């Protein structure tokens, strides 16, 4: 199983954001990616948002900067908001990243969990799913053909159009990022694309029927089982022990998700609800190395086996120093424990 980190490039001091704090946030992010590579993590993913508190509106630029400072770690989006993007430019950007990184680039494409990108790029939110389906079809066409012939509803047609550069990897890895919509799981399976499931709440094992739908759709479409990989993206944080991890993580987590909840009509976060989410079956992975490694293994078994697990840690206002230490613990203790069990 691959173990990695996903980041939204959160601004270090959101309450008093300045040019200096934004510059420092980017510098520290790149240092964390370099550290993840150094301690042996397999993958680092960069989100895409268009909000003041995140610095990831141009993820391929951040990943390209990281490519020059790393050697082995794979660099991916987490996720590319394809519904609001031009698939031609998306492909060109990631093909260039693949060349810059020596064949270490990937992308996870999805519809995104925030809606700011739609008005920003002049799109209608009502076309949310239709945009994604059409643009995914074009993106896969571009990946598989150097000369593209394509027509659709939301973009001018392409007729005998050559699209460059071509990436180093062939085929270039494209995952589909999903939340909890059954149709999204079926679509990924029918296309034979690897699946990245974002589980940020509830009980992880409850996603098993959806993952079974994905695998059934893939098998029915004739795709080999080894193509139908499943990855899991969850909120988590690792410290020396569980008590310390919870003490570090909970205050910022509660502030962040209470604030987001006001936008979406969710109730305020309580410590009771947090503890339930961080229990044996819950989606949160906040604890010491042994406990977190055991939970990753349990989640994998509950979901019928996963190929990749990524932690999302920079949503709780943690300091750069704490995040660096967490990355070190994940790379040097959690990942070896998980891989030893899998072996």
Protein backbone atom coordinates (compact mmCIF):
# COMPACT_ATOMS: atom_id res chain seq x y z
CA UNK A 1 0.00 0.00 0.00
CA UNK A 2 1.23 3.48 -0.85
CA UNK A 3 1.13 5.98 2.01
CA UNK A 4 1.14 9.73 1.44
CA UNK A 5 0.00 13.22 2.32
CA UNK A 6 -2.58 15.52 0.72
CA UNK A 7 -2.41 19.26 1.28
CA UNK A 8 -4.62 22.26 0.58
CA UNK A 9 -1.70 24.66 1.13
CA UNK A 10 -3.44 26.31 4.07
CA UNK A 11 -2.23 29.80 5.02
CA UNK A 12 -0.26 29.60 8.26
CA UNK A 13 -1.92 32.59 9.95
CA UNK A 14 -5.37 32.91 8.43
CA UNK A 15 -6.57 35.54 10.90
CA UNK A 16 -3.77 37.94 9.96
CA UNK A 17 -2.93 36.91 6.41
CA UNK A 18 -0.34 39.12 4.74
CA UNK A 19 2.00 38.89 1.77
CA UNK A 20 4.71 37.73 4.16
CA UNK A 21 2.56 35.02 5.73
CA UNK A 22 1.50 33.77 2.30
CA UNK A 23 5.10 33.63 1.12
CA UNK A 24 6.10 31.78 4.31
CA UNK A 25 3.21 29.33 3.91
CA UNK A 26 4.41 28.36 0.43
CA UNK A 27 8.03 28.02 1.57
CA UNK A 28 6.99 25.79 4.47
CA UNK A 29 4.75 23.69 2.24
CA UNK A 30 7.63 22.98 -0.13
CA UNK A 31 9.81 22.09 2.85
CA UNK A 32 7.17 19.57 3.99
CA UNK A 33 7.00 17.96 0.54
CA UNK A 34 10.78 17.67 0.49
CA UNK A 35 10.66 16.14 3.99
CA UNK A 36 7.98 13.64 2.89
CA UNK A 37 10.27 12.53 0.07
CA UNK A 38 13.22 12.25 2.43
CA UNK A 39 11.40 10.03 4.95
CA UNK A 40 10.19 7.66 2.24
CA UNK A 41 6.54 8.54 1.70
CA UNK A 42 5.13 7.39 -1.63
CA UNK A 43 2.93 10.28 -2.77
CA UNK A 44 2.12 13.93 -2.08
CA UNK A 45 -1.13 15.40 -3.35
CA UNK A 46 -2.08 19.05 -3.84
CA UNK A 47 -5.70 20.20 -3.72
CA UNK A 48 -7.32 22.93 -5.77
CA UNK A 49 -9.39 25.65 -4.11
CA UNK A 50 -10.20 29.27 -4.84
CA UNK A 51 -10.58 30.54 -1.28
CA UNK A 52 -8.63 32.98 0.86
CA UNK A 53 -7.52 30.39 3.41
CA UNK A 54 -5.87 28.09 0.85
CA UNK A 55 -2.91 28.72 -1.47
CA UNK A 56 -3.57 25.89 -3.95
CA UNK A 57 -5.44 27.64 -6.78
CA UNK A 58 -2.53 26.77 -9.16
CA UNK A 59 -1.54 23.28 -7.95
CA UNK A 60 0.67 22.30 -10.88
CA UNK A 61 2.95 25.28 -10.17
CA UNK A 62 3.37 24.16 -6.57
CA UNK A 63 3.97 20.57 -7.65
CA UNK A 64 6.51 21.66 -10.27
CA UNK A 65 8.39 23.61 -7.59
CA UNK A 66 8.32 20.48 -5.43
CA UNK A 67 9.56 18.32 -8.33
CA UNK A 68 12.83 20.26 -8.38
CA UNK A 69 13.38 19.56 -4.68
CA UNK A 70 12.43 15.86 -4.56
CA UNK A 71 13.69 12.61 -6.05
CA UNK A 72 11.26 9.72 -5.62
CA UNK A 73 7.89 10.82 -4.28
CA UNK A 74 4.98 10.83 -6.71
CA UNK A 75 3.30 14.22 -7.18
CA UNK A 76 -0.44 14.39 -7.80
CA UNK A 77 -3.45 16.65 -7.62
CA UNK A 78 -6.00 16.08 -4.86
CA UNK A 79 -8.23 16.92 -6.70
CA UNK A 80 -8.17 18.80 -10.00
CA UNK A 81 -11.60 20.46 -10.28
CA UNK A 82 -12.15 19.26 -13.83
CA UNK A 83 -15.72 20.55 -14.09
CA UNK A 84 -14.38 24.11 -13.99
CA UNK A 85 -11.23 23.59 -16.09
CA UNK A 86 -10.24 23.23 -19.74
CA UNK A 87 -9.13 19.60 -20.23
CA UNK A 88 -6.58 20.66 -22.86
CA UNK A 89 -4.78 22.96 -20.42
CA UNK A 90 -5.11 20.44 -17.60
CA UNK A 91 -3.43 17.80 -19.73
CA UNK A 92 -0.70 20.16 -20.93
CA UNK A 93 0.08 21.29 -17.39
CA UNK A 94 0.33 17.77 -16.00
CA UNK A 95 2.23 16.44 -19.02
CA UNK A 96 4.77 19.21 -18.43
CA UNK A 97 4.89 18.33 -14.72
CA UNK A 98 5.52 14.71 -15.69
CA UNK A 99 8.49 15.74 -17.82
CA UNK A 100 9.83 18.10 -15.15
CA UNK A 101 9.57 15.40 -12.46
CA UNK A 102 11.03 12.55 -14.48
CA UNK A 103 7.77 10.62 -14.75
CA UNK A 104 6.44 11.11 -11.20
CA UNK A 105 3.25 13.05 -11.93
CA UNK A 106 -0.36 11.92 -11.61
CA UNK A 107 -3.73 13.59 -11.38
CA UNK A 108 -6.89 12.90 -9.43
CA UNK A 109 -9.84 14.57 -11.14
CA UNK A 110 -13.16 15.35 -9.52
CA UNK A 111 -15.97 17.85 -9.21
CA UNK A 112 -14.69 19.48 -6.03
CA UNK A 113 -16.39 19.95 -2.66
CA UNK A 114 -16.61 23.77 -2.88
CA UNK A 115 -18.45 25.76 -5.53
CA UNK A 116 -16.37 28.95 -5.92
CA UNK A 117 -14.78 27.80 -9.17
CA UNK A 118 -18.08 27.84 -11.08
CA UNK A 119 -18.89 31.57 -10.96
CA UNK A 120 -15.17 32.36 -11.08
CA UNK A 121 -14.84 30.72 -14.51
CA UNK A 122 -18.28 31.67 -15.81
CA UNK A 123 -19.92 28.25 -15.43
CA UNK A 124 -23.36 27.25 -14.18
CA UNK A 125 -23.52 25.16 -11.04
CA UNK A 126 -26.60 23.45 -12.46
CA UNK A 127 -24.31 21.86 -15.09
CA UNK A 128 -22.09 20.41 -12.32
CA UNK A 129 -22.20 16.74 -13.34
CA UNK A 130 -22.68 17.20 -17.10
CA UNK A 131 -19.57 19.39 -17.21
CA UNK A 132 -17.52 16.78 -15.40
CA UNK A 133 -18.68 13.86 -17.54
CA UNK A 134 -18.00 15.69 -20.81
CA UNK A 135 -14.64 17.06 -19.75
CA UNK A 136 -13.50 13.71 -18.37
CA UNK A 137 -14.27 12.14 -21.75
CA UNK A 138 -12.19 14.79 -23.52
CA UNK A 139 -9.32 14.46 -21.04
CA UNK A 140 -9.12 10.70 -21.57
CA UNK A 141 -9.29 11.22 -25.34
CA UNK A 142 -6.34 13.61 -25.14
CA UNK A 143 -4.40 11.20 -22.93
CA UNK A 144 -4.90 8.32 -25.35
CA UNK A 145 -4.48 10.16 -28.66
CA UNK A 146 -1.90 12.65 -29.85
CA UNK A 147 -4.29 13.83 -32.59
CA UNK A 148 -7.74 14.53 -31.17
CA UNK A 149 -11.15 14.59 -32.85
CA UNK A 150 -13.89 15.50 -30.40
CA UNK A 151 -17.10 17.49 -30.05
CA UNK A 152 -19.29 18.32 -27.08
CA UNK A 153 -21.74 20.81 -25.60
CA UNK A 154 -19.56 22.97 -23.36
CA UNK A 155 -16.42 23.52 -25.46
CA UNK A 156 -15.63 24.16 -29.15
CA UNK A 157 -14.94 20.99 -31.14
CA UNK A 158 -11.42 19.74 -31.85
CA UNK A 159 -10.76 18.50 -35.40
CA UNK A 160 -7.48 16.73 -36.17
CA UNK A 161 -5.94 18.78 -33.37
CA UNK A 162 -2.48 17.82 -32.12
CA UNK A 163 -2.00 18.40 -28.39
CA UNK A 164 1.46 18.76 -26.85
CA UNK A 165 3.57 18.11 -24.90
CA UNK A 166 3.12 14.40 -24.41
CA UNK A 167 4.00 13.09 -20.93
CA UNK A 168 6.81 10.72 -20.10
CA UNK A 169 4.45 8.07 -18.68
CA UNK A 170 2.24 6.19 -21.13
CA UNK A 171 -0.53 5.99 -20.19
CA UNK A 172 -0.45 8.96 -17.87
CA UNK A 173 -2.08 8.02 -14.51
CA UNK A 174 -5.52 9.59 -14.04
CA UNK A 175 -7.57 8.72 -10.94
CA UNK A 176 -11.17 9.73 -10.27
CA UNK A 177 -11.82 11.39 -6.92
CA UNK A 178 -15.26 10.69 -5.46
CA UNK A 179 -17.34 11.46 -2.37
CA UNK A 180 -20.49 9.43 -1.84
CA UNK A 181 -22.46 9.46 -5.11
CA UNK A 182 -23.10 5.92 -6.44
CA UNK A 183 -23.05 7.10 -10.07
CA UNK A 184 -19.51 8.41 -9.61
CA UNK A 185 -18.30 5.00 -8.40
CA UNK A 186 -19.98 3.23 -11.31
CA UNK A 187 -18.54 5.70 -13.84
CA UNK A 188 -14.99 5.18 -12.55
CA UNK A 189 -15.38 1.42 -12.72
CA UNK A 190 -16.85 1.43 -16.22
CA UNK A 191 -13.91 3.53 -17.42
CA UNK A 192 -11.37 1.30 -15.66
CA UNK A 193 -9.83 4.23 -13.79
CA UNK A 194 -8.35 4.00 -10.29
CA UNK A 195 -10.59 5.43 -7.60
CA UNK A 196 -9.67 7.89 -4.82
CA UNK A 197 -12.39 7.99 -2.16
CA UNK A 198 -12.54 11.02 0.14
CA UNK A 199 -14.00 9.94 3.48
CA UNK A 200 -13.98 12.85 5.91
CA UNK A 201 -16.82 11.76 8.17
CA UNK A 202 -19.01 8.85 9.19
CA UNK A 203 -17.87 5.25 9.46
CA UNK A 204 -15.42 4.15 6.79
CA UNK A 205 -16.78 0.61 6.40
CA UNK A 206 -20.12 2.03 5.22
CA UNK A 207 -18.45 2.89 1.90
CA UNK A 208 -17.94 -0.81 1.11
CA UNK A 209 -21.16 -1.16 -0.96
CA UNK A 210 -20.11 1.80 -3.11
CA UNK A 211 -16.64 0.35 -3.66
CA UNK A 212 -18.25 -2.98 -4.53
CA UNK A 213 -20.34 -1.11 -7.12
CA UNK A 214 -17.10 0.31 -8.57
CA UNK A 215 -15.45 -3.11 -8.79
CA UNK A 216 -18.55 -4.74 -10.26
CA UNK A 217 -18.86 -2.02 -12.93
CA UNK A 218 -15.19 -2.40 -13.79
CA UNK A 219 -15.39 -6.17 -14.07
CA UNK A 220 -18.56 -5.95 -16.16
CA UNK A 221 -16.78 -3.53 -18.52
CA UNK A 222 -13.94 -6.04 -18.95
CA UNK A 223 -11.22 -4.29 -16.96
CA UNK A 224 -8.59 -6.39 -15.20
CA UNK A 225 -8.74 -6.36 -11.38
CA UNK A 226 -5.26 -4.82 -11.11
CA UNK A 227 -6.55 -1.73 -12.94
CA UNK A 228 -9.35 -1.20 -10.40
CA UNK A 229 -7.25 0.28 -7.62
CA UNK A 230 -8.87 2.01 -4.65
CA UNK A 231 -7.26 4.79 -2.65
CA UNK A 232 -8.53 6.41 0.54
CA UNK A 233 -8.16 10.08 1.52
CA UNK A 234 -8.99 10.85 5.15
CA UNK A 235 -8.42 13.53 7.74
CA UNK A 236 -5.69 12.52 10.14
CA UNK A 237 -2.66 13.49 12.20
CA UNK A 238 0.07 11.54 13.97
CA UNK A 239 1.93 12.56 17.13
CA UNK A 240 4.04 10.66 19.68
CA UNK A 241 0.89 9.24 21.31
CA UNK A 242 -2.87 9.53 20.95
CA UNK A 243 -3.42 11.95 23.81
CA UNK A 244 -0.89 14.37 22.34
CA UNK A 245 -2.32 13.98 18.82
CA UNK A 246 -5.85 14.80 19.97
CA UNK A 247 -4.66 17.76 22.07
CA UNK A 248 -2.79 19.16 19.05
CA UNK A 249 -5.43 18.51 16.42
CA UNK A 250 -8.88 18.94 17.96
CA UNK A 251 -8.97 22.73 18.64
CA UNK A 252 -8.09 23.70 15.06
CA UNK A 253 -10.27 20.95 13.58
CA UNK A 254 -13.25 22.17 15.61
CA UNK A 255 -12.70 25.78 14.52
CA UNK A 256 -12.32 24.88 10.83
CA UNK A 257 -15.32 22.58 10.53
CA UNK A 258 -17.56 24.78 12.65
CA UNK A 259 -16.75 27.66 10.28
CA UNK A 260 -17.38 25.53 7.18
CA UNK A 261 -20.52 24.21 8.86
CA UNK A 262 -21.94 27.71 9.08
CA UNK A 263 -21.70 27.90 5.28
CA UNK A 264 -23.37 24.53 4.78
CA UNK A 265 -25.87 24.33 7.62
CA UNK A 266 -23.97 21.81 9.76
CA UNK A 267 -24.10 21.93 13.57
CA UNK A 268 -21.01 23.13 15.48
CA UNK A 269 -18.32 20.51 16.14
CA UNK A 270 -18.34 18.98 19.63
CA UNK A 271 -15.65 16.97 21.39
CA UNK A 272 -18.12 14.10 21.73
CA UNK A 273 -18.68 13.97 17.97
CA UNK A 274 -14.93 14.25 17.33
CA UNK A 275 -14.18 11.33 19.67
CA UNK A 276 -16.83 9.23 17.90
CA UNK A 277 -15.26 10.01 14.52
CA UNK A 278 -11.84 9.13 15.91
CA UNK A 279 -13.05 5.82 17.37
CA UNK A 280 -12.35 2.35 15.95
CA UNK A 281 -14.84 2.66 13.06
CA UNK A 282 -14.78 6.42 12.45
CA UNK A 283 -13.17 8.16 9.51
CA UNK A 284 -10.66 10.28 11.47
CA UNK A 285 -7.13 8.93 12.00
CA UNK A 286 -5.72 11.04 14.82
CA UNK A 287 -3.39 9.20 17.15
CA UNK A 288 0.00 7.65 17.81
CA UNK A 289 1.84 5.64 15.12
CA UNK A 290 0.73 2.17 16.24
CA UNK A 291 -2.92 3.10 16.60
CA UNK A 292 -3.06 4.91 13.26
CA UNK A 293 -1.28 2.09 11.41
CA UNK A 294 -3.73 -0.44 12.87
CA UNK A 295 -6.66 1.70 11.81
CA UNK A 296 -5.39 2.02 8.22
CA UNK A 297 -5.14 -1.77 8.05
CA UNK A 298 -8.67 -2.17 9.47
CA UNK A 299 -10.04 0.32 6.97
CA UNK A 300 -8.33 -1.52 4.12
CA UNK A 301 -9.78 -4.85 5.21
CA UNK A 302 -13.24 -3.34 5.65
CA UNK A 303 -13.16 -1.95 2.11
CA UNK A 304 -11.88 -5.12 0.47
CA UNK A 305 -8.30 -3.88 0.12
CA UNK A 306 -6.94 -0.44 -0.76
CA UNK A 307 -3.84 0.48 -2.74
CA UNK A 308 -3.19 3.97 -1.37
CA UNK A 309 -3.90 5.95 1.79
CA UNK A 310 -3.34 9.70 2.11
CA UNK A 311 -3.56 11.91 5.20
CA UNK A 312 -5.07 15.39 5.02
CA UNK A 313 -3.51 17.26 7.97
CA UNK A 314 -3.33 20.98 7.24
CA UNK A 315 -6.96 21.77 8.08
CA UNK A 316 -6.47 22.19 11.84
CA UNK A 317 -4.14 25.19 12.11
CA UNK A 318 -1.18 23.02 13.12
CA UNK A 319 2.24 24.63 13.13
CA UNK A 320 4.82 23.83 10.49
CA UNK A 321 6.95 22.13 13.13
CA UNK A 322 4.11 19.81 14.20
CA UNK A 323 3.30 18.94 10.59
CA UNK A 324 6.96 18.19 9.90
CA UNK A 325 7.09 15.86 12.90
CA UNK A 326 3.85 14.17 11.83
CA UNK A 327 5.26 13.55 8.34
CA UNK A 328 8.36 12.06 9.92
CA UNK A 329 6.31 9.72 12.12
CA UNK A 330 4.13 8.65 9.18
CA UNK A 331 7.15 7.96 6.96
CA UNK A 332 9.37 6.27 9.54
CA UNK A 333 6.81 4.44 11.70
CA UNK A 334 3.27 4.31 10.31
CA UNK A 335 4.15 3.38 6.73
CA UNK A 336 6.57 0.55 7.67
CA UNK A 337 4.00 -0.89 10.11
CA UNK A 338 1.26 -0.88 7.46
CA UNK A 339 3.49 -2.39 4.80
CA UNK A 340 4.81 -5.05 7.18
CA UNK A 341 1.25 -6.13 7.95
CA UNK A 342 0.33 -6.17 4.26
CA UNK A 343 3.40 -8.28 3.45
